[in-house]
Amino acid sequence: MVKSLGNSSGQATVEYILLVSFVAMAFMLLSGMIGDIQLTERLMKPLKQDYARAYQYGNPKAKGYDDGGPLHHPRAVPGSGEGNFRLFINPDATGSGDSE
């Protein structure tokens, strides 16, 4: 049988301090690695470019007049040859819908 080592009050406190220190070191290590590989810039690129263009122009590849000329832009330009003209028609407004 093993003898008791004596008073063990404070052991839980020491274990919590060690646990918190390990978690803090892991957080600092990971935050340093995220900064080194520029992960935040990679994650924000679609939000700043692709999703913004998709919201603004309706196409993630679209460019406006401020981005070097319109490309894949929903506009009516006769004879442009780009094939980027889109016309959105509400079928209920034309009277050809099957609504009762």
Foldseek 3Di string as FASTA:
>chain_A
DDDDPDDPPCVVVVVVVVVVVVVVVVVVVVVVVCVVVVVVCVVCVCVVQQVVCCVVFVGSPFDPPVRPHTDLGADDDPPPPRPNHDDDDDVVVVVPDPDD
